[in-house]
N, C-alpha and C. Protein backbone atom coordinates (compact mmCIF):
# COMPACT_ATOMS: atom_id res chain seq x y z
N MET A 1 -0.25 16.97 -11.09
CA MET A 1 0.28 16.33 -11.01
C MET A 1 1.18 15.95 -11.50
N THR A 2 2.58 15.20 -10.57
CA THR A 2 3.45 14.70 -11.59
C THR A 2 3.55 12.42 -11.57
N THR A 3 4.41 12.83 -12.54
CA THR A 3 3.73 11.02 -12.69
C THR A 3 5.60 10.93 -12.40
N ASP A 4 6.92 12.13 -11.85
CA ASP A 4 7.99 11.16 -11.81
C ASP A 4 8.09 11.44 -10.24
N HIS A 5 7.75 9.66 -10.52
CA HIS A 5 8.37 9.36 -8.44
C HIS A 5 8.87 9.45 -7.96
N LEU A 6 10.14 9.81 -9.01
CA LEU A 6 11.35 10.96 -7.82
C LEU A 6 11.29 12.13 -7.15
N LEU A 7 10.19 12.64 -7.51
CA LEU A 7 9.86 13.71 -7.19
C LEU A 7 9.24 14.73 -5.69
N MET A 8 7.63 13.34 -6.28
CA MET A 8 7.02 12.63 -5.58
C MET A 8 7.07 12.68 -4.17
N THR A 9 6.31 13.56 -2.81
CA THR A 9 6.66 13.36 -1.76
C THR A 9 5.76 11.37 -1.52
N THR A 10 5.76 11.11 -0.15
CA THR A 10 5.14 10.02 0.05
C THR A 10 3.66 10.55 -0.12
N ALA A 11 3.52 12.15 0.91
CA ALA A 11 1.91 12.36 0.64
C ALA A 11 1.24 12.97 -0.78
N GLU A 12 1.97 13.14 -1.25
CA GLU A 12 1.51 13.02 -2.99
C GLU A 12 1.24 12.14 -3.24
N THR A 13 2.17 10.49 -3.15
CA THR A 13 1.74 9.70 -3.81
C THR A 13 0.74 9.01 -3.04
N GLY A 14 0.18 9.30 -1.53
CA GLY A 14 -0.89 8.35 -0.97
C GLY A 14 -1.76 9.32 -1.12
N ARG A 15 -1.46 10.78 -2.12
CA ARG A 15 -2.92 11.48 -1.86
C ARG A 15 -3.01 10.56 -3.22
N ILE A 16 -2.48 10.75 -4.23
CA ILE A 16 -2.53 10.21 -6.04
C ILE A 16 -3.67 8.59 -5.48
N GLY A 17 -3.08 7.61 -4.77
CA GLY A 17 -3.00 6.50 -4.59
C GLY A 17 -5.20 6.29 -4.28
N GLU A 18 -4.69 7.32 -3.14
CA GLU A 18 -6.45 7.26 -2.78
C GLU A 18 -7.77 7.91 -2.92
N GLU A 19 -7.10 9.02 -4.46
CA GLU A 19 -8.41 9.43 -5.31
C GLU A 19 -8.46 8.69 -6.70
N ALA A 20 -7.47 7.70 -6.88
CA ALA A 20 -7.47 6.44 -7.68
C ALA A 20 -8.78 5.51 -7.47
N VAL A 21 -8.55 5.21 -5.66
CA VAL A 21 -9.38 3.72 -5.63
C VAL A 21 -10.59 4.67 -5.21
N ALA A 22 -10.70 5.94 -4.68
CA ALA A 22 -12.26 6.70 -4.41
C ALA A 22 -13.20 6.32 -5.79
N ASP A 23 -11.92 6.70 -6.89
CA ASP A 23 -12.78 6.43 -8.34
C ASP A 23 -13.48 5.23 -8.50
N TYR A 24 -12.41 4.38 -8.19
CA TYR A 24 -12.68 2.71 -9.09
C TYR A 24 -14.03 2.40 -7.81
N LEU A 25 -14.09 3.01 -6.86
CA LEU A 25 -15.25 2.55 -5.44
C LEU A 25 -16.40 3.22 -6.09
N ARG A 26 -16.53 4.16 -7.23
CA ARG A 26 -17.82 4.89 -7.40
C ARG A 26 -18.30 4.45 -8.43
N GLN A 27 -17.07 4.45 -9.69
CA GLN A 27 -17.38 2.96 -10.46
C GLN A 27 -18.18 1.67 -10.25
N LYS A 28 -17.74 0.93 -9.31
CA LYS A 28 -18.15 -0.35 -8.80
C LYS A 28 -19.63 -0.01 -7.69
N GLY A 29 -19.65 1.10 -7.69
CA GLY A 29 -21.51 1.23 -7.10
C GLY A 29 -21.18 2.23 -5.72
N PHE A 30 -19.96 1.69 -4.83
CA PHE A 30 -19.97 2.55 -3.67
C PHE A 30 -20.21 4.62 -3.80
N SER A 31 -20.83 4.93 -2.16
CA SER A 31 -21.42 5.61 -2.79
C SER A 31 -19.99 6.15 -1.16
N ILE A 32 -19.16 7.18 -1.65
CA ILE A 32 -18.38 7.23 -0.18
C ILE A 32 -18.50 8.28 0.46
N ARG A 33 -18.59 7.92 2.04
CA ARG A 33 -19.09 8.57 3.21
C ARG A 33 -18.00 9.46 3.49
N ALA A 34 -16.91 9.24 3.88
CA ALA A 34 -15.62 9.96 4.22
C ALA A 34 -14.26 9.67 4.09
N ARG A 35 -13.13 10.45 3.78
CA ARG A 35 -12.49 10.33 3.12
C ARG A 35 -11.01 10.90 4.09
N ASN A 36 -10.24 9.93 4.17
CA ASN A 36 -9.40 10.51 5.52
C ASN A 36 -10.00 11.69 7.10
N TRP A 37 -10.65 10.68 7.55
CA TRP A 37 -11.68 10.57 8.65
C TRP A 37 -10.20 10.65 9.80
N ARG A 38 -10.67 11.60 10.85
CA ARG A 38 -9.47 11.50 11.74
C ARG A 38 -10.17 11.62 13.29
N GLN A 39 -9.63 10.71 14.04
CA GLN A 39 -9.90 10.78 15.88
C GLN A 39 -8.63 10.83 16.05
N GLY A 40 -7.98 11.89 17.07
CA GLY A 40 -7.29 11.93 17.52
C GLY A 40 -5.77 11.72 16.55
N HIS A 41 -4.86 10.71 16.93
CA HIS A 41 -4.08 10.22 15.95
C HIS A 41 -4.15 9.12 14.68
N TYR A 42 -5.06 8.65 14.82
CA TYR A 42 -5.99 7.42 14.11
C TYR A 42 -6.37 8.02 12.90
N GLU A 43 -6.50 7.45 11.71
CA GLU A 43 -7.07 7.51 10.59
C GLU A 43 -7.52 7.07 10.11
N LEU A 44 -9.34 7.14 9.00
CA LEU A 44 -9.38 6.17 8.32
C LEU A 44 -9.26 6.63 6.99
N ASP A 45 -8.44 5.78 5.81
CA ASP A 45 -8.06 6.60 4.21
C ASP A 45 -10.09 6.94 3.60
N LEU A 46 -10.56 5.58 3.70
CA LEU A 46 -11.57 5.77 2.79
C LEU A 46 -12.73 5.00 3.37
N VAL A 47 -13.84 5.71 3.66
CA VAL A 47 -15.55 4.65 3.63
C VAL A 47 -16.08 5.05 2.34
N ALA A 48 -16.74 3.58 2.82
CA ALA A 48 -17.51 3.80 1.15
C ALA A 48 -18.76 2.63 1.92
N LEU A 49 -19.90 2.47 1.50
CA LEU A 49 -21.46 2.65 1.43
C LEU A 49 -21.38 1.57 0.61
N ARG A 50 -22.14 0.49 0.07
CA ARG A 50 -22.49 -0.73 -1.02
C ARG A 50 -23.27 -1.48 -0.67
N ASP A 51 -24.66 -1.76 -0.74
CA ASP A 51 -25.53 -3.03 -0.42
C ASP A 51 -25.39 -2.84 1.04
N GLY A 52 -25.61 -1.53 1.64
CA GLY A 52 -25.74 -1.64 2.99
C GLY A 52 -24.20 -2.31 4.07
N ILE A 53 -23.22 -2.12 3.00
CA ILE A 53 -22.44 -2.76 3.85
C ILE A 53 -21.44 -1.30 4.15
N LEU A 54 -20.35 -0.97 5.42
CA LEU A 54 -20.08 -0.11 5.38
C LEU A 54 -18.67 -0.49 5.35
N HIS A 55 -17.82 -0.04 4.53
CA HIS A 55 -16.54 -0.29 3.82
C HIS A 55 -15.49 0.91 4.93
N ILE A 56 -14.75 -0.20 5.49
CA ILE A 56 -13.94 0.44 5.74
C ILE A 56 -12.01 0.91 4.96
N VAL A 57 -11.97 0.50 4.28
CA VAL A 57 -10.64 0.89 3.07
C VAL A 57 -9.29 1.71 3.63
N GLU A 58 -8.56 0.84 3.27
CA GLU A 58 -7.13 1.22 3.74
C GLU A 58 -6.52 1.22 2.20
N VAL A 59 -6.20 2.04 2.06
CA VAL A 59 -5.25 2.51 0.94
C VAL A 59 -3.82 2.13 1.00
N LYS A 60 -2.98 1.53 0.35
CA LYS A 60 -1.53 1.37 0.38
C LYS A 60 -1.20 1.79 -0.45
N THR A 61 -0.25 2.70 -1.52
CA THR A 61 0.21 3.06 -2.81
C THR A 61 1.35 2.47 -2.76
N ARG A 62 2.41 2.56 -3.66
CA ARG A 62 3.92 2.08 -3.61
C ARG A 62 4.09 2.65 -5.14
N HIS A 63 5.24 2.94 -5.35
CA HIS A 63 5.43 3.10 -6.91
C HIS A 63 5.82 1.54 -7.81
N ALA A 64 5.69 1.01 -8.83
CA ALA A 64 5.60 -0.23 -9.62
C ALA A 64 7.04 -0.14 -9.85
N GLY A 65 7.96 -1.38 -9.38
CA GLY A 65 9.06 -1.57 -8.88
C GLY A 65 9.86 -1.86 -7.57
N SER A 66 8.44 -0.82 -6.39
CA SER A 66 9.39 -1.06 -5.31
C SER A 66 9.80 -2.16 -4.40
N LEU A 67 10.69 -2.19 -3.79
CA LEU A 67 11.21 -3.09 -3.25
C LEU A 67 9.62 -4.23 -2.54
N THR A 68 8.70 -3.51 -1.95
CA THR A 68 7.96 -4.44 -1.52
C THR A 68 6.65 -4.85 -1.87
N PRO A 69 5.40 -4.98 -2.58
CA PRO A 69 3.96 -4.26 -2.72
C PRO A 69 3.93 -4.15 -1.42
N PRO A 70 2.49 -3.70 -1.94
CA PRO A 70 1.17 -2.65 -1.47
C PRO A 70 1.00 -3.13 -0.08
N GLN A 71 0.85 -4.10 -0.26
CA GLN A 71 -0.35 -5.38 0.25
C GLN A 71 0.82 -5.63 1.66
N ALA A 72 2.02 -5.38 1.64
CA ALA A 72 3.41 -6.28 2.49
C ALA A 72 3.02 -4.64 3.80
N ALA A 73 2.30 -3.72 3.63
CA ALA A 73 1.92 -2.69 4.42
C ALA A 73 0.87 -2.90 5.05
N ALA A 74 0.19 -3.47 4.70
CA ALA A 74 -1.38 -3.69 5.61
C ALA A 74 -1.21 -4.97 6.77
N THR A 75 -0.47 -4.49 7.38
CA THR A 75 0.40 -5.40 8.69
C THR A 75 -0.79 -5.55 9.93
N HIS A 76 -0.88 -6.59 10.84
CA HIS A 76 -1.42 -6.75 12.11
C HIS A 76 -2.06 -5.60 12.53
N ARG A 77 -0.04 -4.93 12.43
CA ARG A 77 -0.65 -3.69 13.40
C ARG A 77 -1.07 -2.36 13.07
N LYS A 78 -1.40 -2.63 11.76
CA LYS A 78 -1.73 -1.42 11.08
C LYS A 78 -3.81 -1.84 11.48
N PHE A 79 -3.90 -3.20 11.49
CA PHE A 79 -5.67 -2.98 11.69
C PHE A 79 -5.84 -3.08 13.05
N ARG A 80 -4.83 -2.61 13.69
CA ARG A 80 -5.10 -2.59 14.94
C ARG A 80 -5.57 -0.99 14.97
N ALA A 81 -4.71 0.01 14.52
CA ALA A 81 -4.89 1.66 14.06
C ALA A 81 -6.51 1.47 13.39
N VAL A 82 -6.05 0.68 12.52
CA VAL A 82 -7.61 1.12 11.83
C VAL A 82 -8.91 0.68 11.90
N SER A 83 -8.73 -0.35 12.81
CA SER A 83 -9.90 -1.16 13.51
C SER A 83 -10.63 -0.03 14.97
N ARG A 84 -9.51 1.11 15.54
CA ARG A 84 -9.53 2.01 16.83
C ARG A 84 -10.09 2.75 16.22
N ALA A 85 -9.48 3.08 14.56
CA ALA A 85 -10.49 4.43 13.74
C ALA A 85 -12.05 4.18 13.64
N ALA A 86 -12.02 3.24 13.24
CA ALA A 86 -13.43 2.58 12.47
C ALA A 86 -14.40 2.56 14.59
N ALA A 87 -13.60 2.20 14.79
CA ALA A 87 -14.95 2.28 16.23
C ALA A 87 -15.13 3.48 16.43
N GLY A 88 -14.28 4.69 16.24
CA GLY A 88 -14.57 5.61 16.72
C GLY A 88 -15.21 6.57 15.09
N TYR A 89 -15.58 6.13 14.04
CA TYR A 89 -16.19 6.54 13.11
C TYR A 89 -17.26 5.87 13.20
N ILE A 90 -18.12 4.56 13.92
CA ILE A 90 -18.80 4.35 13.91
C ILE A 90 -19.98 4.79 14.42
N ARG A 91 -19.03 5.30 15.91
CA ARG A 91 -19.69 5.69 17.11
C ARG A 91 -20.12 7.26 16.44
N ALA A 92 -19.19 7.88 16.02
CA ALA A 92 -19.77 9.13 15.08
C ALA A 92 -20.72 9.61 14.67
N VAL A 93 -20.79 8.44 14.00
CA VAL A 93 -21.92 8.60 13.29
C VAL A 93 -23.06 7.21 13.50
N GLY A 94 -22.95 6.89 14.85
CA GLY A 94 -24.15 5.86 14.59
C GLY A 94 -24.36 4.42 13.84
N TRP A 95 -23.68 4.24 12.89
CA TRP A 95 -23.65 3.08 12.37
C TRP A 95 -23.87 1.75 12.72
N LYS A 96 -25.13 0.95 12.26
CA LYS A 96 -25.35 0.09 12.78
C LYS A 96 -25.92 -1.46 12.24
N GLY A 97 -24.70 -0.96 10.90
CA GLY A 97 -25.32 -2.34 10.21
C GLY A 97 -23.81 -3.00 9.77
N ASP A 98 -23.29 -3.78 8.88
CA ASP A 98 -22.27 -5.05 8.72
C ASP A 98 -21.58 -3.96 8.46
N VAL A 99 -20.19 -4.22 8.89
CA VAL A 99 -18.60 -3.58 8.59
C VAL A 99 -17.90 -4.19 7.88
N GLN A 100 -17.26 -4.04 7.25
CA GLN A 100 -16.01 -4.69 6.33
C GLN A 100 -14.75 -3.90 5.99
N PHE A 101 -13.99 -4.88 6.30
CA PHE A 101 -12.60 -4.18 5.93
C PHE A 101 -11.72 -4.50 4.63
N ASP A 102 -11.33 -3.83 3.86
CA ASP A 102 -10.72 -4.05 2.91
C ASP A 102 -9.52 -3.25 2.51
N VAL A 103 -8.57 -4.22 2.07
CA VAL A 103 -7.31 -2.72 1.25
C VAL A 103 -7.37 -2.71 -0.34
N ALA A 104 -7.08 -1.57 -0.14
CA ALA A 104 -6.78 -1.35 -1.94
C ALA A 104 -5.16 -1.17 -2.05
N ALA A 105 -4.70 -1.74 -2.62
CA ALA A 105 -2.87 -1.97 -2.75
C ALA A 105 -3.03 -1.01 -4.30
N VAL A 106 -2.35 0.29 -4.59
CA VAL A 106 -1.85 0.96 -5.75
C VAL A 106 -0.89 0.72 -5.99
N GLU A 107 -0.44 0.33 -7.37
CA GLU A 107 0.77 0.70 -7.41
C GLU A 107 0.72 1.72 -8.90
N LEU A 108 2.01 2.64 -8.76
CA LEU A 108 1.30 3.60 -9.77
C LEU A 108 3.28 3.87 -10.56
N ASP A 109 2.63 3.01 -11.82
CA ASP A 109 3.91 2.87 -12.89
C ASP A 109 4.66 4.44 -13.02
N THR A 110 5.33 4.38 -13.73
CA THR A 110 6.29 6.06 -14.47
C THR A 110 5.94 6.46 -15.89
N ASP A 111 4.98 5.77 -16.08
CA ASP A 111 4.06 6.41 -16.91
C ASP A 111 2.74 7.09 -16.89
N GLY A 112 2.19 7.24 -15.65
CA GLY A 112 1.58 7.41 -15.21
C GLY A 112 0.20 6.46 -14.77
N GLY A 113 0.63 5.44 -15.14
CA GLY A 113 -0.50 4.44 -15.37
C GLY A 113 -0.44 4.08 -13.60
N VAL A 114 -2.41 3.47 -13.29
CA VAL A 114 -2.06 2.81 -11.72
C VAL A 114 -3.33 1.80 -12.49
N ARG A 115 -2.80 0.87 -11.35
CA ARG A 115 -3.15 -0.61 -10.84
C ARG A 115 -3.87 -0.19 -9.38
N ILE A 116 -4.73 -1.16 -9.68
CA ILE A 116 -5.57 -1.55 -8.03
C ILE A 116 -5.80 -2.70 -8.08
N ASP A 117 -5.01 -3.08 -6.90
CA ASP A 117 -5.42 -4.55 -6.45
C ASP A 117 -6.86 -4.44 -5.46
N TRP A 118 -7.62 -4.94 -5.40
CA TRP A 118 -9.01 -4.77 -4.89
C TRP A 118 -9.20 -5.66 -3.75
N ILE A 119 -8.75 -5.70 -2.54
CA ILE A 119 -8.87 -6.73 -1.40
C ILE A 119 -10.18 -7.49 -0.61
N GLU A 120 -11.11 -7.74 -0.58
CA GLU A 120 -12.16 -7.38 -0.02
C GLU A 120 -12.00 -8.18 1.47
N SER A 121 -12.41 -8.15 2.49
CA SER A 121 -12.45 -8.66 3.36
C SER A 121 -11.09 -9.06 3.87
N ALA A 122 -9.91 -8.37 3.76
CA ALA A 122 -8.63 -8.21 3.75
C ALA A 122 -8.62 -8.78 5.66
N TRP A 123 -9.17 -8.21 6.44
CA TRP A 123 -9.66 -8.24 7.62
C TRP A 123 -10.51 -8.67 8.41
N GLU A 124 -10.65 -9.19 9.27
CA GLU A 124 -11.68 -9.96 10.07
C GLU A 124 -11.85 -9.14 11.31
N TYR A 125 -13.08 -8.16 11.86
CA TYR A 125 -12.95 -7.83 13.59
C TYR A 125 -14.61 -8.63 13.56
N ASN A 126 -14.05 -9.21 15.03
CA ASN A 126 -15.55 -9.23 15.76
C ASN A 126 -15.61 -8.28 16.51
N TRP A 127 -17.23 -7.57 16.08
CA TRP A 127 -17.15 -6.27 17.35
C TRP A 127 -17.22 -7.23 18.88
């Protein structure tokens, strides 16, 4: 895994961010239920469970010093796509409990460090 952001593809950057967030969530007591779950052209980055709440986690990763912070990519349009994917996931697995939509904003430092800004209940959805 290279840390030279000039040589990384967007997909590599995203994978590094998602892996860092999965590790972060495990350390916080979450169990990872799905990674990169797809239905049609909709995708969920991470689905995690803790304390009976299913967390739909959108991971946004940027390099430190980027013009826009990763949180800026968590738009209402993105939420519509994530909520459609989440509805498909919930139907597919038969989930009946509480659901929460979270955003993990990840910044990759040039020295290989990773910063995660965990934003719980970033989006509200009324089923």
